[in-house]
Amino acid sequence: YEGVSPYNNHAEQQMRSPVLTRKVSQQNRSDQGAQTQSILMTLFRSAQLQGHNPVEIILSTAKEALKARSTDEILNCQLILFSKS
């Protein structure tokens, strides 16, 4: 197709930052950790490519999610999260 590069160099360059982050942080220690990192890296990079601040987007999304939940639901989530560590 005209205007489409036959090479995947752009895609490989896009993967460079997440791979280096994983390498520097001593890899992922669990499957869930790998999945979490994958999701966060996707969110961060997508926001950056669209010219947005990824931290602001994630914080505003988390705030909206917390507003939508009851206090009991939030406390139960915290208990579950902290009981696993």
N, C-alpha and C. Protein backbone atom coordinates (compact mmCIF):
# COMPACT_ATOMS: atom_id res chain seq x y z
N TYR A 1 0.84 -1.19 0.00
CA TYR A 1 0.00 0.00 0.00
C TYR A 1 0.88 1.25 0.00
N GLU A 2 0.43 2.23 -0.71
CA GLU A 2 1.19 3.47 -0.78
C GLU A 2 1.18 4.16 0.58
N GLY A 3 2.33 4.62 1.00
CA GLY A 3 2.43 5.34 2.27
C GLY A 3 2.62 4.43 3.48
N VAL A 4 2.56 3.11 3.27
CA VAL A 4 2.74 2.16 4.37
C VAL A 4 4.09 1.49 4.22
N SER A 5 4.91 1.60 5.25
CA SER A 5 6.24 1.01 5.19
C SER A 5 6.15 -0.52 5.23
N PRO A 6 6.95 -1.20 4.43
CA PRO A 6 6.94 -2.67 4.47
C PRO A 6 7.75 -3.22 5.65
N TYR A 7 8.34 -2.35 6.43
CA TYR A 7 9.16 -2.77 7.55
C TYR A 7 8.44 -2.50 8.87
N ASN A 8 8.79 -3.23 9.90
CA ASN A 8 8.16 -3.03 11.21
C ASN A 8 9.08 -2.28 12.17
N ASN A 9 10.03 -1.52 11.65
CA ASN A 9 10.97 -0.80 12.48
C ASN A 9 10.26 0.15 13.46
N HIS A 10 9.20 0.81 13.00
CA HIS A 10 8.46 1.73 13.89
C HIS A 10 7.89 0.96 15.09
N ALA A 11 7.30 -0.19 14.83
CA ALA A 11 6.73 -1.00 15.92
C ALA A 11 7.82 -1.46 16.87
N GLU A 12 8.96 -1.85 16.33
CA GLU A 12 10.07 -2.28 17.18
C GLU A 12 10.58 -1.13 18.04
N GLN A 13 10.63 0.06 17.49
CA GLN A 13 11.07 1.23 18.26
C GLN A 13 10.07 1.54 19.38
N GLN A 14 8.79 1.34 19.12
CA GLN A 14 7.77 1.61 20.14
C GLN A 14 7.90 0.64 21.32
N MET A 15 8.39 -0.56 21.07
CA MET A 15 8.53 -1.56 22.13
C MET A 15 9.80 -1.36 22.96
N ARG A 16 10.71 -0.56 22.49
CA ARG A 16 12.01 -0.40 23.13
C ARG A 16 11.90 0.10 24.57
N SER A 17 11.11 1.12 24.81
CA SER A 17 10.99 1.69 26.16
C SER A 17 10.41 0.69 27.16
N PRO A 18 9.29 0.02 26.86
CA PRO A 18 8.77 -0.96 27.83
C PRO A 18 9.74 -2.11 28.10
N VAL A 19 10.46 -2.54 27.08
CA VAL A 19 11.42 -3.63 27.27
C VAL A 19 12.56 -3.18 28.18
N LEU A 20 13.06 -1.98 27.97
CA LEU A 20 14.13 -1.46 28.83
C LEU A 20 13.64 -1.27 30.26
N THR A 21 12.41 -0.80 30.42
CA THR A 21 11.83 -0.64 31.76
C THR A 21 11.78 -1.98 32.47
N ARG A 22 11.31 -3.00 31.77
CA ARG A 22 11.23 -4.34 32.36
C ARG A 22 12.63 -4.85 32.73
N LYS A 23 13.60 -4.60 31.88
CA LYS A 23 14.97 -5.06 32.13
C LYS A 23 15.56 -4.38 33.36
N VAL A 24 15.40 -3.07 33.46
CA VAL A 24 15.96 -2.30 34.57
C VAL A 24 15.29 -2.68 35.89
N SER A 25 14.00 -3.01 35.84
CA SER A 25 13.27 -3.32 37.06
C SER A 25 13.39 -4.79 37.46
N GLN A 26 14.37 -5.49 36.88
CA GLN A 26 14.64 -6.89 37.22
C GLN A 26 13.51 -7.84 36.80
N GLN A 27 12.89 -7.57 35.68
CA GLN A 27 11.85 -8.43 35.11
C GLN A 27 10.58 -8.40 35.96
N ASN A 28 9.62 -9.19 35.55
CA ASN A 28 8.37 -9.32 36.31
C ASN A 28 8.49 -10.55 37.20
N ARG A 29 7.94 -10.45 38.39
CA ARG A 29 8.08 -11.54 39.34
C ARG A 29 6.87 -12.48 39.36
N SER A 30 5.84 -12.14 38.62
CA SER A 30 4.66 -13.01 38.56
C SER A 30 3.92 -12.75 37.25
N ASP A 31 3.02 -13.66 36.92
CA ASP A 31 2.20 -13.47 35.72
C ASP A 31 1.31 -12.24 35.87
N GLN A 32 0.76 -12.06 37.08
CA GLN A 32 -0.10 -10.89 37.30
C GLN A 32 0.72 -9.60 37.21
N GLY A 33 1.96 -9.63 37.69
CA GLY A 33 2.82 -8.46 37.57
C GLY A 33 3.12 -8.13 36.12
N ALA A 34 3.35 -9.16 35.32
CA ALA A 34 3.61 -8.96 33.89
C ALA A 34 2.38 -8.38 33.20
N GLN A 35 1.21 -8.89 33.56
CA GLN A 35 -0.03 -8.38 32.95
C GLN A 35 -0.28 -6.93 33.38
N THR A 36 -0.05 -6.63 34.65
CA THR A 36 -0.24 -5.26 35.14
C THR A 36 0.71 -4.31 34.42
N GLN A 37 1.97 -4.71 34.28
CA GLN A 37 2.93 -3.85 33.59
C GLN A 37 2.53 -3.65 32.14
N SER A 38 2.05 -4.69 31.51
CA SER A 38 1.62 -4.60 30.12
C SER A 38 0.49 -3.59 29.96
N ILE A 39 -0.49 -3.66 30.85
CA ILE A 39 -1.63 -2.74 30.80
C ILE A 39 -1.18 -1.30 31.04
N LEU A 40 -0.36 -1.10 32.08
CA LEU A 40 0.09 0.26 32.39
C LEU A 40 0.96 0.85 31.28
N MET A 41 1.85 0.04 30.71
CA MET A 41 2.69 0.53 29.61
C MET A 41 1.84 0.89 28.40
N THR A 42 0.80 0.10 28.13
CA THR A 42 -0.10 0.40 27.02
C THR A 42 -0.82 1.72 27.26
N LEU A 43 -1.34 1.91 28.48
CA LEU A 43 -2.03 3.16 28.81
C LEU A 43 -1.09 4.35 28.71
N PHE A 44 0.10 4.22 29.28
CA PHE A 44 1.07 5.32 29.25
C PHE A 44 1.45 5.70 27.83
N ARG A 45 1.81 4.69 27.03
CA ARG A 45 2.29 4.98 25.68
C ARG A 45 1.16 5.52 24.80
N SER A 46 -0.05 4.98 24.94
CA SER A 46 -1.18 5.48 24.15
C SER A 46 -1.46 6.94 24.47
N ALA A 47 -1.43 7.28 25.76
CA ALA A 47 -1.66 8.67 26.16
C ALA A 47 -0.56 9.58 25.61
N GLN A 48 0.68 9.14 25.71
CA GLN A 48 1.79 9.95 25.19
C GLN A 48 1.67 10.18 23.69
N LEU A 49 1.34 9.13 22.94
CA LEU A 49 1.22 9.26 21.49
C LEU A 49 0.09 10.21 21.08
N GLN A 50 -0.92 10.33 21.96
CA GLN A 50 -2.04 11.23 21.68
C GLN A 50 -1.82 12.62 22.26
N GLY A 51 -0.65 12.85 22.86
CA GLY A 51 -0.32 14.17 23.38
C GLY A 51 -0.92 14.48 24.74
N HIS A 52 -1.28 13.43 25.49
CA HIS A 52 -1.87 13.62 26.82
C HIS A 52 -0.84 13.27 27.90
N ASN A 53 -1.10 13.75 29.11
CA ASN A 53 -0.27 13.40 30.26
C ASN A 53 -0.80 12.08 30.83
N PRO A 54 -0.06 10.99 30.72
CA PRO A 54 -0.57 9.69 31.17
C PRO A 54 -0.89 9.63 32.66
N VAL A 55 -0.10 10.31 33.48
CA VAL A 55 -0.35 10.28 34.92
C VAL A 55 -1.69 10.95 35.23
N GLU A 56 -1.96 12.09 34.61
CA GLU A 56 -3.23 12.78 34.83
C GLU A 56 -4.41 11.91 34.40
N ILE A 57 -4.28 11.23 33.28
CA ILE A 57 -5.38 10.39 32.79
C ILE A 57 -5.64 9.23 33.75
N ILE A 58 -4.59 8.57 34.21
CA ILE A 58 -4.77 7.44 35.12
C ILE A 58 -5.35 7.91 36.45
N LEU A 59 -4.86 9.05 36.97
CA LEU A 59 -5.39 9.57 38.23
C LEU A 59 -6.86 9.97 38.11
N SER A 60 -7.22 10.65 37.02
CA SER A 60 -8.61 11.06 36.86
C SER A 60 -9.52 9.85 36.68
N THR A 61 -9.03 8.82 35.98
CA THR A 61 -9.82 7.60 35.81
C THR A 61 -10.01 6.90 37.15
N ALA A 62 -8.95 6.82 37.95
CA ALA A 62 -9.04 6.19 39.26
C ALA A 62 -10.00 6.95 40.18
N LYS A 63 -9.94 8.29 40.14
CA LYS A 63 -10.84 9.10 40.96
C LYS A 63 -12.29 8.87 40.57
N GLU A 64 -12.57 8.81 39.27
CA GLU A 64 -13.94 8.57 38.81
C GLU A 64 -14.41 7.18 39.22
N ALA A 65 -13.52 6.20 39.15
CA ALA A 65 -13.89 4.84 39.55
C ALA A 65 -14.20 4.80 41.04
N LEU A 66 -13.41 5.53 41.84
CA LEU A 66 -13.66 5.56 43.29
C LEU A 66 -14.97 6.27 43.62
N LYS A 67 -15.29 7.32 42.88
CA LYS A 67 -16.55 8.03 43.10
C LYS A 67 -17.75 7.12 42.85
N ALA A 68 -17.60 6.23 41.88
CA ALA A 68 -18.70 5.36 41.49
C ALA A 68 -18.92 4.22 42.49
N ARG A 69 -18.00 3.99 43.38
CA ARG A 69 -18.11 2.90 44.34
C ARG A 69 -18.55 3.42 45.72
N SER A 70 -19.11 2.52 46.48
CA SER A 70 -19.47 2.87 47.85
C SER A 70 -18.23 2.74 48.74
N THR A 71 -18.30 3.34 49.91
CA THR A 71 -17.18 3.28 50.86
C THR A 71 -16.87 1.84 51.23
N ASP A 72 -17.90 1.02 51.44
CA ASP A 72 -17.68 -0.39 51.80
C ASP A 72 -16.93 -1.14 50.70
N GLU A 73 -17.28 -0.89 49.44
CA GLU A 73 -16.60 -1.56 48.34
C GLU A 73 -15.12 -1.18 48.30
N ILE A 74 -14.83 0.10 48.52
CA ILE A 74 -13.45 0.57 48.50
C ILE A 74 -12.66 -0.07 49.64
N LEU A 75 -13.23 -0.12 50.83
CA LEU A 75 -12.54 -0.74 51.97
C LEU A 75 -12.30 -2.22 51.73
N ASN A 76 -13.28 -2.91 51.14
CA ASN A 76 -13.11 -4.33 50.83
C ASN A 76 -11.98 -4.54 49.83
N CYS A 77 -11.89 -3.68 48.83
CA CYS A 77 -10.81 -3.78 47.85
C CYS A 77 -9.46 -3.58 48.52
N GLN A 78 -9.38 -2.62 49.43
CA GLN A 78 -8.12 -2.37 50.14
C GLN A 78 -7.73 -3.57 50.99
N LEU A 79 -8.72 -4.16 51.67
CA LEU A 79 -8.43 -5.33 52.50
C LEU A 79 -7.91 -6.48 51.65
N ILE A 80 -8.52 -6.69 50.51
CA ILE A 80 -8.08 -7.77 49.62
C ILE A 80 -6.67 -7.50 49.12
N LEU A 81 -6.40 -6.27 48.68
CA LEU A 81 -5.08 -5.94 48.15
C LEU A 81 -3.99 -6.10 49.20
N PHE A 82 -4.24 -5.58 50.40
CA PHE A 82 -3.20 -5.59 51.42
C PHE A 82 -3.06 -6.94 52.10
N SER A 83 -4.08 -7.78 52.03
CA SER A 83 -3.95 -9.11 52.64
C SER A 83 -3.10 -10.04 51.79
N LYS A 84 -2.92 -9.70 50.49
CA LYS A 84 -2.10 -10.54 49.60
C LYS A 84 -0.62 -10.28 49.76
N SER A 85 -0.25 -9.16 50.36
CA SER A 85 1.18 -8.84 50.45
C SER A 85 1.84 -9.41 51.67
